[in-house]
Amino acid sequence: MSKQPAPEEQPAPQEQHPRHELSEVLHQPVRFSIAAALAKTETMDFKDLRNTIQVSDSVLSKQLSTLEKAGFVEIKKAFVGKFPRTSVRLTAVGHQAWEHHMATLRLIAGG
């Protein structure tokens, strides 16, 4: 029979590393860049967002779909005259996820 250490002798449970708090959705570089761009503005046109983060239409569209499924962005499609116009904005959930992700990165970096 093994003797159980007294409670004061037991090692304190080790805290989980902050990296476990990072958002898997936002950690991907293109999605991170999208969130960073959208966090600075109320809404952004698809074309402007594409040019800002320097990706193709198809890459941006695919990553926006992932962010939309996670509830992080809202995508609105409308027509201006005869021309389609797509705008994107971070949702409240997206803003919250972005702030938490950035705070966690700062914590990991020691800042």
C-alpha atoms as a PDB file:
ATOM      1  CA  MET A   1       0.000   0.000   0.000  1.00  0.00           C
ATOM      2  CA  SER A   2       1.377   3.401  -0.929  1.00  0.00           C
ATOM      3  CA  LYS A   3       1.055   6.318   1.384  1.00  0.00           C
ATOM      4  CA  GLN A   4      -0.874   9.356   0.060  1.00  0.00           C
ATOM      5  CA  PRO A   5       1.003  12.609   0.596  1.00  0.00           C
ATOM      6  CA  ALA A   6      -0.622  15.061   2.957  1.00  0.00           C
ATOM      7  CA  PRO A   7      -2.579  17.804   1.131  1.00  0.00           C
ATOM      8  CA  GLU A   8       0.124  20.388   1.858  1.00  0.00           C
ATOM      9  CA  GLU A   9       2.718  18.063   0.277  1.00  0.00           C
ATOM     10  CA  GLN A  10       0.839  17.565  -2.982  1.00  0.00           C
ATOM     11  CA  PRO A  11       2.114  19.692  -5.855  1.00  0.00           C
ATOM     12  CA  ALA A  12      -0.207  22.455  -6.963  1.00  0.00           C
ATOM     13  CA  PRO A  13      -1.981  21.665 -10.222  1.00  0.00           C
ATOM     14  CA  GLN A  14      -0.060  23.205 -13.072  1.00  0.00           C
ATOM     15  CA  GLU A  15      -1.839  25.995 -14.954  1.00  0.00           C
ATOM     16  CA  GLN A  16      -2.625  25.280 -18.571  1.00  0.00           C
ATOM     17  CA  HIS A  17      -0.439  27.133 -21.083  1.00  0.00           C
ATOM     18  CA  PRO A  18      -2.247  30.173 -22.572  1.00  0.00           C
ATOM     19  CA  ARG A  19      -1.891  28.782 -26.114  1.00  0.00           C
ATOM     20  CA  HIS A  20      -4.832  26.517 -25.329  1.00  0.00           C
ATOM     21  CA  GLU A  21      -6.964  29.680 -25.172  1.00  0.00           C
ATOM     22  CA  LEU A  22      -6.164  30.699 -28.766  1.00  0.00           C
ATOM     23  CA  SER A  23      -9.016  30.521 -31.243  1.00  0.00           C
ATOM     24  CA  GLU A  24      -8.469  27.726 -33.759  1.00  0.00           C
ATOM     25  CA  VAL A  25     -10.633  29.703 -36.182  1.00  0.00           C
ATOM     26  CA  LEU A  26      -8.625  32.932 -35.881  1.00  0.00           C
ATOM     27  CA  HIS A  27      -5.222  31.287 -35.663  1.00  0.00           C
ATOM     28  CA  GLN A  28      -5.084  30.586 -39.405  1.00  0.00           C
ATOM     29  CA  PRO A  29      -3.103  33.468 -41.039  1.00  0.00           C
ATOM     30  CA  VAL A  30      -5.695  34.598 -43.629  1.00  0.00           C
ATOM     31  CA  ARG A  31      -8.568  34.494 -41.126  1.00  0.00           C
ATOM     32  CA  PHE A  32      -6.367  36.325 -38.607  1.00  0.00           C
ATOM     33  CA  SER A  33      -5.691  39.008 -41.248  1.00  0.00           C
ATOM     34  CA  ILE A  34      -9.403  39.287 -42.083  1.00  0.00           C
ATOM     35  CA  ALA A  35     -10.334  39.752 -38.426  1.00  0.00           C
ATOM     36  CA  ALA A  36      -7.534  42.282 -37.928  1.00  0.00           C
ATOM     37  CA  ALA A  37      -8.740  44.356 -40.879  1.00  0.00           C
ATOM     38  CA  LEU A  38     -12.399  44.167 -39.842  1.00  0.00           C
ATOM     39  CA  ALA A  39     -11.663  44.973 -36.187  1.00  0.00           C
ATOM     40  CA  LYS A  40     -10.510  48.427 -37.280  1.00  0.00           C
ATOM     41  CA  THR A  41     -13.713  49.359 -39.104  1.00  0.00           C
ATOM     42  CA  GLU A  42     -17.493  48.999 -38.925  1.00  0.00           C
ATOM     43  CA  THR A  43     -17.833  47.287 -42.305  1.00  0.00           C
ATOM     44  CA  MET A  44     -15.685  46.643 -45.341  1.00  0.00           C
ATOM     45  CA  ASP A  45     -16.431  45.897 -48.982  1.00  0.00           C
ATOM     46  CA  PHE A  46     -15.281  42.487 -50.191  1.00  0.00           C
ATOM     47  CA  LYS A  47     -13.021  44.113 -52.807  1.00  0.00           C
ATOM     48  CA  ASP A  48     -11.367  46.433 -50.281  1.00  0.00           C
ATOM     49  CA  LEU A  49     -10.857  43.574 -47.828  1.00  0.00           C
ATOM     50  CA  ARG A  50      -9.349  41.406 -50.580  1.00  0.00           C
ATOM     51  CA  ASN A  51      -6.946  44.186 -51.556  1.00  0.00           C
ATOM     52  CA  THR A  52      -6.049  44.979 -47.936  1.00  0.00           C
ATOM     53  CA  ILE A  53      -5.033  41.432 -47.049  1.00  0.00           C
ATOM     54  CA  GLN A  54      -3.727  40.636 -50.552  1.00  0.00           C
ATOM     55  CA  VAL A  55      -5.475  37.371 -51.367  1.00  0.00           C
ATOM     56  CA  SER A  56      -7.524  36.115 -54.313  1.00  0.00           C
ATOM     57  CA  ASP A  57     -11.311  36.276 -54.414  1.00  0.00           C
ATOM     58  CA  SER A  58     -11.583  32.506 -53.958  1.00  0.00           C
ATOM     59  CA  VAL A  59      -9.252  32.418 -50.928  1.00  0.00           C
ATOM     60  CA  LEU A  60     -11.109  35.299 -49.284  1.00  0.00           C
ATOM     61  CA  SER A  61     -14.495  33.753 -50.036  1.00  0.00           C
ATOM     62  CA  LYS A  62     -13.485  30.383 -48.554  1.00  0.00           C
ATOM     63  CA  GLN A  63     -12.060  31.920 -45.371  1.00  0.00           C
ATOM     64  CA  LEU A  64     -15.060  34.225 -44.948  1.00  0.00           C
ATOM     65  CA  SER A  65     -17.324  31.177 -45.122  1.00  0.00           C
ATOM     66  CA  THR A  66     -15.397  29.595 -42.241  1.00  0.00           C
ATOM     67  CA  LEU A  67     -15.635  32.801 -40.201  1.00  0.00           C
ATOM     68  CA  GLU A  68     -19.343  33.106 -40.986  1.00  0.00           C
ATOM     69  CA  LYS A  69     -20.022  29.501 -39.869  1.00  0.00           C
ATOM     70  CA  ALA A  70     -18.247  30.301 -36.589  1.00  0.00           C
ATOM     71  CA  GLY A  71     -20.507  33.345 -36.168  1.00  0.00           C
ATOM     72  CA  PHE A  72     -17.548  35.745 -36.323  1.00  0.00           C
ATOM     73  CA  VAL A  73     -18.576  37.700 -39.439  1.00  0.00           C
ATOM     74  CA  GLU A  74     -21.762  38.822 -41.132  1.00  0.00           C
ATOM     75  CA  ILE A  75     -21.805  38.975 -44.914  1.00  0.00           C
ATOM     76  CA  LYS A  76     -24.345  41.175 -46.699  1.00  0.00           C
ATOM     77  CA  LYS A  77     -24.951  41.056 -50.426  1.00  0.00           C
ATOM     78  CA  ALA A  78     -26.750  43.888 -52.180  1.00  0.00           C
ATOM     79  CA  PHE A  79     -26.874  45.627 -55.526  1.00  0.00           C
ATOM     80  CA  VAL A  80     -25.690  49.151 -56.210  1.00  0.00           C
ATOM     81  CA  GLY A  81     -27.422  49.861 -59.490  1.00  0.00           C
ATOM     82  CA  LYS A  82     -26.746  46.764 -61.560  1.00  0.00           C
ATOM     83  CA  PHE A  83     -23.574  45.852 -59.719  1.00  0.00           C
ATOM     84  CA  PRO A  84     -23.411  43.319 -56.885  1.00  0.00           C
ATOM     85  CA  ARG A  85     -21.798  44.566 -53.710  1.00  0.00           C
ATOM     86  CA  THR A  86     -20.701  42.386 -50.817  1.00  0.00           C
ATOM     87  CA  SER A  87     -19.875  43.879 -47.445  1.00  0.00           C
ATOM     88  CA  VAL A  88     -18.431  42.165 -44.409  1.00  0.00           C
ATOM     89  CA  ARG A  89     -18.365  43.073 -40.725  1.00  0.00           C
ATOM     90  CA  LEU A  90     -17.281  41.428 -37.495  1.00  0.00           C
ATOM     91  CA  THR A  91     -20.203  40.390 -35.321  1.00  0.00           C
ATOM     92  CA  ALA A  92     -20.252  41.012 -31.564  1.00  0.00           C
ATOM     93  CA  VAL A  93     -19.092  37.394 -31.139  1.00  0.00           C
ATOM     94  CA  GLY A  94     -16.325  38.054 -33.670  1.00  0.00           C
ATOM     95  CA  HIS A  95     -15.155  41.165 -31.825  1.00  0.00           C
ATOM     96  CA  GLN A  96     -15.137  39.256 -28.547  1.00  0.00           C
ATOM     97  CA  ALA A  97     -13.191  36.343 -30.085  1.00  0.00           C
ATOM     98  CA  TRP A  98     -10.712  38.788 -31.648  1.00  0.00           C
ATOM     99  CA  GLU A  99     -10.104  40.617 -28.361  1.00  0.00           C
ATOM    100  CA  HIS A 100      -9.645  37.341 -26.474  1.00  0.00           C
ATOM    101  CA  HIS A 101      -7.288  35.973 -29.140  1.00  0.00           C
ATOM    102  CA  MET A 102      -5.163  39.130 -29.080  1.00  0.00           C
ATOM    103  CA  ALA A 103      -5.062  39.225 -25.249  1.00  0.00           C
ATOM    104  CA  THR A 104      -3.916  35.599 -25.263  1.00  0.00           C
ATOM    105  CA  LEU A 105      -1.170  36.327 -27.810  1.00  0.00           C
ATOM    106  CA  ARG A 106       0.019  39.226 -25.619  1.00  0.00           C
ATOM    107  CA  LEU A 107       0.017  36.937 -22.574  1.00  0.00           C
ATOM    108  CA  ILE A 108       2.086  34.330 -24.413  1.00  0.00           C
ATOM    109  CA  ALA A 109       4.505  37.010 -25.631  1.00  0.00           C
ATOM    110  CA  GLY A 110       4.847  38.359 -22.123  1.00  0.00           C
ATOM    111  CA  GLY A 111       3.467  41.785 -22.916  1.00  0.00           C
END
